[in-house]
Every structure is written in C-alpha cells, then in structure tokens.
Amino acid sequence: MNKKDWSTYIFDPAISFAERCREVYQFQKGRNRFYSKFSEVLGYAKSTEIEPDKIPLLPIRAFKQGKILTEGSFPEIAFKSSGTGSMEQSIHYVHDTLIYKQAINRAFYTRFPKDKYALLCHLPGYNENPDSSLIWMMKHLISEDKSGLSTFRDEYAMNPEKWEYQVKKSGKITLLFGAAFGLIDLIEGGSYLFKEPVEIIETGGMKTYRREITKKELRNTIAEYFQVPLESIHSEYGMCELLSQMYALGSEWFTAPEWVQVTIRDPENPGRICSAGEEGKIGVIDLANIYSCPFILTEDRGVADESGRFKVLGRWNHDNPRGCNFLIDRD
C-alpha cells in the first residue's frame, strides 16, 4: 500500500480492527528492520495470520535507542519527549503529519464537537519543549477553530472578561485543556475564575514538581476550585511515541478510538493480557503509528475493566519519569 492508501485504510471502520491490524503487522515486519528483528527474536519470524492479542509489543524505550522508521519513509517532523538535564529523550519520527492530524481530529472532535467548544490551552513546561507533540497538537486544534476563539492561555489572560464574552456570544463553551500540575498552579495562585460555563481536560504531570497526587484528589481539587461538577472534568492520555490519544469523559476510565487497542500486560510476561482488575503495564496498538511502530508496551501502570476501559495508575518504573499522563512525579 502507498502513503495515501494507508491514511485511508487504518481509519476505515468498515474493515475489522483485526484485519487492519494484520495488514499493518505484515507491513511492519517487511519494512521496519527494528521491529522485524525484535519479532524474530521472540520467535515470530514466520507468523502471518496473527491476531492482535498475539502481536508482540515493542518496549517503548526503543524510541530512545534507535530511529524507529519504516524503510522508504522520511520524517516530516520529529517529536521529542520532555527531558531535563542528562535525561535521555525519546524521539518519534513522523513520516506523514496528515495521519497525525486525522488521528487528532477523529479522536478529539468525536468527544468534543468543534461547534460546541472554544479551546483554551494552558501547558506550562510543555511550551519549553519546541519538539513537543502535545504543543503541535494544540496548535493544530487551534488552527481548526475557524471562529478564531481557541487560543493559549497567555493570550486569554490579557483580557479574560472580553474572551469569555466572545465565547458566550458565539454560543460555545470554554474547554480548558491543561497540564495537571499547571492547573494546580492556577488554583494555588488564585487564578481568575470563569464566570461562564467551563469544562476541563487535564493531561498529566510535569517533571519539575516533587510531590504526589492521585487522580481522584486532582479531580476533586479542580472541581472544587472551578466550581464545576466532576462530570465536567475529563482527561487525556497520550505520549510522544503515539500519534493517537485516549480520553476519559467525566471519570477516570479511558476509552480508545476504534483504530487503537489498549490492553494491560503482565510485566513479567508481556505476551499475557491481564484479567480485568489486575494491574500491569499498559500495552497499546495504535495503527496511526503505521510508519514508526504501532505495537507499543509502555512503562505506565494501568488496570482494565470487563468492558475494556482502562485507568492510568502512574508509572511502573519511576526511575526515568516522562509522558503525558502519569500523576506521580518523583526524583
């Protein structure tokens, strides 16, 4: 398949996820030397009609160890994870930003319709990383709002009353998209309170804070300060190494878009999927990663329920923390 075919194929709900997954797996084995060698080491050299649950997941640290890119692909952009000092950064080489835009739009606007919300972004820390995939995503979503209302908080802060008036006049609702500890900073600093209805998306921790906070505590703190019900507080789960995002609407339980599969894996035997309620590492198959690697074993700790929803419980290994949605930051 050529570039145009993949950008249509991987998002086509008329084709079963299992079928799309098998096609992408064969493409990866034939064109991704890094992943192909990894599969062969695990004994998958001749596997063809493999089911998604049996596809080996590449440890996410591989994005720190090599250039994960299929043969014949050339990166339009390279995203880098956040890092401080000598911390080694992950690099995600993206061959086709059109696929990234499609993944963003399909996942985000399905849950937060474009005609309903004006996006207000508050992402301190991420702004300091010029290669942040999250900042790229926010800039894209802002550009998609033809009303011109969506913006970063720096612009909004110059005249919040005027901005809120314009949002109200447009018939939209403010959707505050903030880094978790950035939101805590706003609260501790006695930030301007919205006079009009607001919903909030939090997207995890920052690396400069040496404290712990649970998801429940975070949600309760945000709800109390901004005077909104818990049902109006949402969460996003994403990372530099993935081109798709998962959302939890009004709760701690995330769901994945239909071109993504999330499972919880036994950390001692990643080939085994954990039972509902059993904690393990979060494994992701993200077909939007067609030109890098769609089959990823993260270092995030999670748990799933009977319906396939999942919670993010923190980092499995806190020695080298990074990512867009772990809430326990350590030295």
Protein backbone atom coordinates (compact mmCIF):
# COMPACT_ATOMS: atom_id res chain seq x y z
CA MET A 1 0.00 0.00 0.00
CA ASN A 2 1.20 3.51 -0.69
CA LYS A 3 1.06 6.50 1.62
CA LYS A 4 -2.39 7.63 0.53
CA ASP A 5 -3.83 4.13 0.90
CA TRP A 6 -2.60 3.76 4.47
CA SER A 7 -4.02 7.12 5.54
CA THR A 8 -7.46 5.88 4.48
CA TYR A 9 -7.15 2.20 5.36
CA ILE A 10 -6.13 2.42 9.01
CA PHE A 11 -9.13 4.62 9.89
CA ASP A 12 -11.72 2.63 7.91
CA PRO A 13 -14.30 1.24 10.39
CA ALA A 14 -15.83 -0.90 7.63
CA ILE A 15 -12.75 -3.13 7.90
CA SER A 16 -12.42 -5.06 11.15
CA PHE A 17 -9.71 -3.95 13.54
CA ALA A 18 -8.20 -7.45 13.43
CA GLU A 19 -7.87 -7.34 9.64
CA ARG A 20 -6.33 -3.85 9.64
CA CYS A 21 -4.01 -4.95 12.42
CA ARG A 22 -2.78 -7.99 10.48
CA GLU A 23 -2.08 -5.85 7.39
CA VAL A 24 -0.16 -3.31 9.44
CA TYR A 25 1.76 -6.08 11.21
CA GLN A 26 2.88 -7.56 7.88
CA PHE A 27 3.90 -4.09 6.66
CA GLN A 28 5.93 -3.57 9.82
CA LYS A 29 7.65 -6.94 9.56
CA GLY A 30 8.57 -6.28 5.96
CA ARG A 31 9.59 -2.62 6.23
CA ASN A 32 10.63 -1.95 9.83
CA ARG A 33 14.02 -3.57 10.42
CA PHE A 34 14.00 -2.66 14.12
CA TYR A 35 10.60 -4.23 14.76
CA SER A 36 11.20 -7.17 12.43
CA LYS A 37 14.36 -8.16 14.31
CA PHE A 38 12.51 -7.76 17.62
CA SER A 39 9.73 -10.07 16.39
CA GLU A 40 12.19 -12.68 15.15
CA VAL A 41 14.00 -12.75 18.49
CA LEU A 42 10.65 -13.56 20.12
CA GLY A 43 10.01 -16.37 17.63
CA TYR A 44 7.60 -14.62 15.26
CA ALA A 45 9.75 -14.87 12.13
CA LYS A 46 7.17 -16.81 10.07
CA SER A 47 3.92 -15.66 11.69
CA THR A 48 1.29 -14.43 9.19
CA GLU A 49 -2.36 -14.75 10.30
CA ILE A 50 -1.62 -13.44 13.75
CA GLU A 51 -4.41 -12.00 15.92
CA PRO A 52 -3.97 -8.55 17.54
CA ASP A 53 -3.72 -10.01 21.06
CA LYS A 54 -0.74 -12.15 19.98
CA ILE A 55 1.27 -9.42 18.23
CA PRO A 56 4.48 -8.71 20.17
CA LEU A 57 4.66 -5.24 21.70
CA LEU A 58 7.91 -3.30 21.37
CA PRO A 59 9.13 -1.81 24.70
CA ILE A 60 8.70 1.93 24.48
CA ARG A 61 12.32 2.57 25.47
CA ALA A 62 13.23 1.55 21.90
CA PHE A 63 12.33 5.12 20.88
CA LYS A 64 15.36 6.19 22.92
CA GLN A 65 17.65 3.61 21.37
CA GLY A 66 17.19 3.88 17.63
CA LYS A 67 15.46 5.55 14.71
CA ILE A 68 12.11 3.75 14.56
CA LEU A 69 11.00 4.32 10.98
CA THR A 70 9.94 2.04 8.12
CA GLU A 71 12.11 1.71 5.02
CA GLY A 72 11.34 4.29 2.36
CA SER A 73 9.88 6.70 4.92
CA PHE A 74 11.31 10.14 5.57
CA PRO A 75 10.32 12.16 8.63
CA GLU A 76 8.31 15.33 8.09
CA ILE A 77 8.84 16.13 11.75
CA ALA A 78 10.44 14.58 14.83
CA PHE A 79 8.76 14.80 18.23
CA LYS A 80 10.84 14.57 21.38
CA SER A 81 9.70 13.66 24.87
CA SER A 82 10.25 16.08 27.72
CA GLY A 83 13.58 15.70 29.46
CA THR A 84 15.73 17.59 31.92
CA GLY A 85 19.47 17.59 32.42
CA SER A 86 21.03 14.38 31.15
CA MET A 87 17.71 12.54 30.85
CA GLU A 88 17.60 10.58 27.62
CA GLN A 89 14.74 11.65 25.35
CA SER A 90 12.50 9.52 23.18
CA ILE A 91 12.32 10.62 19.54
CA HIS A 92 9.29 9.82 17.39
CA TYR A 93 9.96 10.33 13.68
CA VAL A 94 6.70 11.09 11.87
CA HIS A 95 6.60 10.37 8.15
CA ASP A 96 3.08 11.66 7.47
CA THR A 97 1.65 14.51 9.57
CA LEU A 98 -1.65 14.14 7.70
CA ILE A 99 -2.18 10.86 9.57
CA TYR A 100 -1.43 12.62 12.86
CA LYS A 101 -3.97 15.33 12.05
CA GLN A 102 -6.57 12.70 11.18
CA ALA A 103 -5.95 10.85 14.45
CA ILE A 104 -6.23 14.10 16.43
CA ASN A 105 -9.42 15.24 14.72
CA ARG A 106 -11.20 11.89 14.79
CA ALA A 107 -10.48 11.24 18.47
CA PHE A 108 -10.93 14.79 19.77
CA TYR A 109 -13.95 16.04 17.84
CA THR A 110 -15.88 12.81 18.36
CA ARG A 111 -15.80 13.62 22.07
CA PHE A 112 -15.60 17.41 21.98
CA PRO A 113 -17.55 18.70 18.93
CA LYS A 114 -15.96 21.63 17.17
CA ASP A 115 -19.15 23.72 17.15
CA LYS A 116 -19.67 23.31 20.92
CA TYR A 117 -16.32 24.33 22.44
CA ALA A 118 -13.72 27.09 22.37
CA LEU A 119 -10.36 25.60 23.37
CA LEU A 120 -8.21 27.35 25.96
CA CYS A 121 -4.76 25.75 26.37
CA HIS A 122 -2.60 26.01 29.48
CA LEU A 123 0.54 23.88 29.14
CA PRO A 124 3.44 25.36 31.11
CA GLY A 125 6.55 23.23 30.81
CA TYR A 126 5.47 21.73 27.51
CA ASN A 127 5.88 25.16 25.92
CA GLU A 128 9.57 24.93 26.79
CA ASN A 129 9.96 21.89 24.55
CA PRO A 130 9.96 23.10 20.91
CA ASP A 131 9.59 19.49 19.74
CA SER A 132 6.56 18.65 21.92
CA SER A 133 3.89 16.59 20.14
CA LEU A 134 1.29 17.95 22.58
CA ILE A 135 2.04 21.58 21.68
CA TRP A 136 1.90 20.62 17.99
CA MET A 137 -1.49 19.04 18.62
CA MET A 138 -2.82 22.10 20.44
CA LYS A 139 -1.65 24.43 17.67
CA HIS A 140 -3.39 22.21 15.15
CA LEU A 141 -6.68 22.21 17.09
CA ILE A 142 -6.49 25.99 17.49
CA SER A 143 -5.99 26.38 13.73
CA GLU A 144 -9.03 24.17 13.11
CA ASP A 145 -11.31 26.59 15.00
CA LYS A 146 -12.45 28.95 12.26
CA SER A 147 -14.17 31.20 14.82
CA GLY A 148 -10.71 32.31 15.98
CA LEU A 149 -11.71 31.91 19.63
CA SER A 150 -9.46 28.99 20.57
CA THR A 151 -6.12 30.12 21.95
CA PHE A 152 -3.35 29.61 24.50
CA ARG A 153 -3.92 31.00 27.99
CA ASP A 154 -1.25 33.70 27.55
CA GLU A 155 -3.49 35.44 25.01
CA TYR A 156 -6.63 34.86 27.07
CA ALA A 157 -5.03 36.23 30.26
CA MET A 158 -4.63 39.71 28.72
CA ASN A 159 -8.41 40.21 28.76
CA PRO A 160 -10.31 37.21 30.18
CA GLU A 161 -13.65 39.04 30.50
CA LYS A 162 -13.64 40.01 26.84
CA TRP A 163 -12.68 36.47 25.77
CA GLU A 164 -15.46 34.92 27.86
CA TYR A 165 -17.96 37.39 26.45
CA GLN A 166 -16.99 36.45 22.91
CA VAL A 167 -17.28 32.74 23.68
CA LYS A 168 -20.72 33.26 25.23
CA LYS A 169 -21.84 35.35 22.27
CA SER A 170 -20.75 32.57 19.90
CA GLY A 171 -22.88 30.04 21.80
CA LYS A 172 -19.83 27.93 22.67
CA ILE A 173 -18.49 26.62 25.99
CA THR A 174 -14.94 27.14 27.25
CA LEU A 175 -12.88 23.94 27.22
CA LEU A 176 -9.78 24.43 29.37
CA PHE A 177 -7.05 21.97 28.33
CA GLY A 178 -4.32 21.96 30.96
CA ALA A 179 -1.35 20.04 32.29
CA ALA A 180 -2.35 18.64 35.68
CA PHE A 181 0.23 20.48 37.75
CA GLY A 182 -0.25 23.60 35.67
CA LEU A 183 -3.89 23.55 36.76
CA ILE A 184 -2.78 23.09 40.37
CA ASP A 185 -0.57 26.17 39.94
CA LEU A 186 -3.54 28.18 38.70
CA ILE A 187 -5.52 27.08 41.72
CA GLU A 188 -2.78 27.78 44.25
CA GLY A 189 -2.18 31.17 42.66
CA GLY A 190 -5.83 32.15 42.91
CA SER A 191 -6.30 32.34 39.15
CA TYR A 192 -9.20 34.14 37.52
CA LEU A 193 -12.42 32.15 37.90
CA PHE A 194 -14.61 31.64 34.89
CA LYS A 195 -17.95 33.44 35.01
CA GLU A 196 -19.43 31.33 32.23
CA PRO A 197 -19.77 27.50 31.93
CA VAL A 198 -16.46 25.66 31.56
CA GLU A 199 -15.31 22.07 31.07
CA ILE A 200 -11.76 20.94 31.77
CA ILE A 201 -9.37 18.38 30.27
CA GLU A 202 -6.30 17.52 32.35
CA THR A 203 -3.38 15.81 30.75
CA GLY A 204 -0.98 14.62 33.40
CA GLY A 205 2.08 15.73 35.28
CA MET A 206 5.16 17.89 34.90
CA LYS A 207 8.72 16.99 35.76
CA THR A 208 9.63 19.96 37.98
CA TYR A 209 7.36 19.05 40.90
CA ARG A 210 8.40 16.72 43.72
CA ARG A 211 5.06 15.73 45.13
CA GLU A 212 2.41 13.12 44.69
CA ILE A 213 -1.24 13.49 43.83
CA THR A 214 -3.82 10.88 42.95
CA LYS A 215 -6.21 11.20 40.06
CA LYS A 216 -9.14 11.34 42.49
CA GLU A 217 -7.54 14.13 44.52
CA LEU A 218 -6.70 16.07 41.37
CA ARG A 219 -10.24 15.85 40.03
CA ASN A 220 -11.78 16.84 43.35
CA THR A 221 -9.42 19.81 43.71
CA ILE A 222 -10.19 21.06 40.20
CA ALA A 223 -13.93 20.60 40.66
CA GLU A 224 -13.98 22.46 43.97
CA TYR A 225 -11.91 25.43 42.80
CA PHE A 226 -13.52 25.96 39.40
CA GLN A 227 -16.97 25.17 40.83
CA VAL A 228 -17.83 22.54 38.24
CA PRO A 229 -19.24 19.02 38.66
CA LEU A 230 -16.88 16.06 38.33
CA GLU A 231 -18.76 15.12 35.15
CA SER A 232 -17.27 18.26 33.53
CA ILE A 233 -13.67 17.20 34.23
CA HIS A 234 -12.11 14.99 31.58
CA SER A 235 -8.65 13.52 30.99
CA GLU A 236 -6.38 12.86 28.01
CA TYR A 237 -3.84 10.04 27.72
CA GLY A 238 -1.18 10.35 25.08
CA MET A 239 2.57 10.49 24.65
CA CYS A 240 5.34 11.44 22.28
CA GLU A 241 5.62 7.88 20.93
CA LEU A 242 1.92 7.60 19.95
CA LEU A 243 0.00 9.56 17.33
CA SER A 244 -3.40 8.80 18.86
CA GLN A 245 -4.96 9.97 22.11
CA MET A 246 -7.40 8.36 24.54
CA TYR A 247 -9.93 10.28 26.61
CA ALA A 248 -11.75 9.74 29.89
CA LEU A 249 -15.01 11.68 29.88
CA GLY A 250 -16.17 12.82 33.30
CA SER A 251 -14.41 9.95 35.06
CA GLU A 252 -11.07 8.16 35.48
CA TRP A 253 -11.87 5.49 32.88
CA PHE A 254 -10.30 5.89 29.44
CA THR A 255 -11.61 4.54 26.15
CA ALA A 256 -9.64 4.20 22.92
CA PRO A 257 -10.69 5.23 19.40
CA GLU A 258 -11.61 2.35 17.11
CA TRP A 259 -8.19 2.19 15.37
CA VAL A 260 -6.46 1.76 18.76
CA GLN A 261 -6.44 -1.22 21.12
CA VAL A 262 -5.32 -0.90 24.73
CA THR A 263 -4.58 -3.94 26.90
CA ILE A 264 -2.96 -4.43 30.29
CA ARG A 265 0.09 -6.68 30.12
CA ASP A 266 1.84 -8.82 32.71
CA PRO A 267 5.17 -7.01 33.32
CA GLU A 268 6.94 -10.36 33.77
CA ASN A 269 5.36 -11.86 30.66
CA PRO A 270 4.13 -9.11 28.29
CA GLY A 271 2.61 -11.72 25.99
CA ARG A 272 -0.05 -12.36 28.63
CA ILE A 273 -3.01 -9.99 28.87
CA CYS A 274 -4.04 -9.34 32.45
CA SER A 275 -7.52 -10.14 33.68
CA ALA A 276 -9.99 -7.35 34.44
CA GLY A 277 -8.97 -5.70 37.71
CA GLU A 278 -5.38 -6.98 37.55
CA GLU A 279 -2.70 -4.29 37.43
CA GLY A 280 0.04 -4.37 34.80
CA LYS A 281 1.78 -2.36 32.10
CA ILE A 282 -0.34 -0.56 29.53
CA GLY A 283 0.08 -2.01 26.04
CA VAL A 284 -1.09 -0.06 23.01
CA ILE A 285 -1.69 -0.92 19.36
CA ASP A 286 -2.00 2.41 17.57
CA LEU A 287 -2.48 1.94 13.84
CA ALA A 288 -1.78 5.64 13.27
CA ASN A 289 1.87 4.75 14.04
CA ILE A 290 1.99 2.91 10.71
CA TYR A 291 5.36 4.41 9.67
CA SER A 292 7.10 4.18 13.07
CA CYS A 293 5.84 1.31 15.26
CA PRO A 294 2.17 0.74 16.17
CA PHE A 295 2.82 -2.04 18.71
CA ILE A 296 3.99 -0.49 21.98
CA LEU A 297 4.49 -1.69 25.54
CA THR A 298 4.54 1.42 27.73
CA GLU A 299 6.04 1.88 31.19
CA ASP A 300 2.71 3.14 32.52
CA ARG A 301 0.84 1.16 35.16
CA GLY A 302 -2.83 0.53 34.48
CA VAL A 303 -5.87 -1.63 35.05
CA ALA A 304 -8.80 -2.51 32.77
CA ASP A 305 -12.41 -3.38 33.48
CA GLU A 306 -14.63 -6.04 31.87
CA SER A 307 -15.68 -3.68 29.06
CA GLY A 308 -12.11 -2.80 28.03
CA ARG A 309 -11.96 0.64 29.60
CA PHE A 310 -8.72 1.35 31.45
CA LYS A 311 -7.31 3.52 34.21
CA VAL A 312 -3.83 5.03 34.36
CA LEU A 313 -2.34 4.41 37.81
CA GLY A 314 1.09 6.00 37.44
CA ARG A 315 4.50 4.87 36.24
CA TRP A 316 5.57 1.25 36.55
CA ASN A 317 9.19 2.36 36.92
CA HIS A 318 9.70 5.82 38.39
CA ASP A 319 13.44 5.93 37.78
CA ASN A 320 13.04 7.80 34.50
CA PRO A 321 9.63 9.51 34.51
CA ARG A 322 8.14 11.17 31.46
CA GLY A 323 4.91 11.20 29.49
CA CYS A 324 1.60 12.98 29.19
CA ASN A 325 -0.49 11.29 31.85
CA PHE A 326 1.28 9.96 34.90
CA LEU A 327 0.35 11.75 38.08
CA ILE A 328 3.18 10.69 40.40
CA ASP A 329 6.35 12.68 39.75
CA ARG A 330 9.49 11.62 41.59
CA ASP A 331 13.19 12.42 41.70
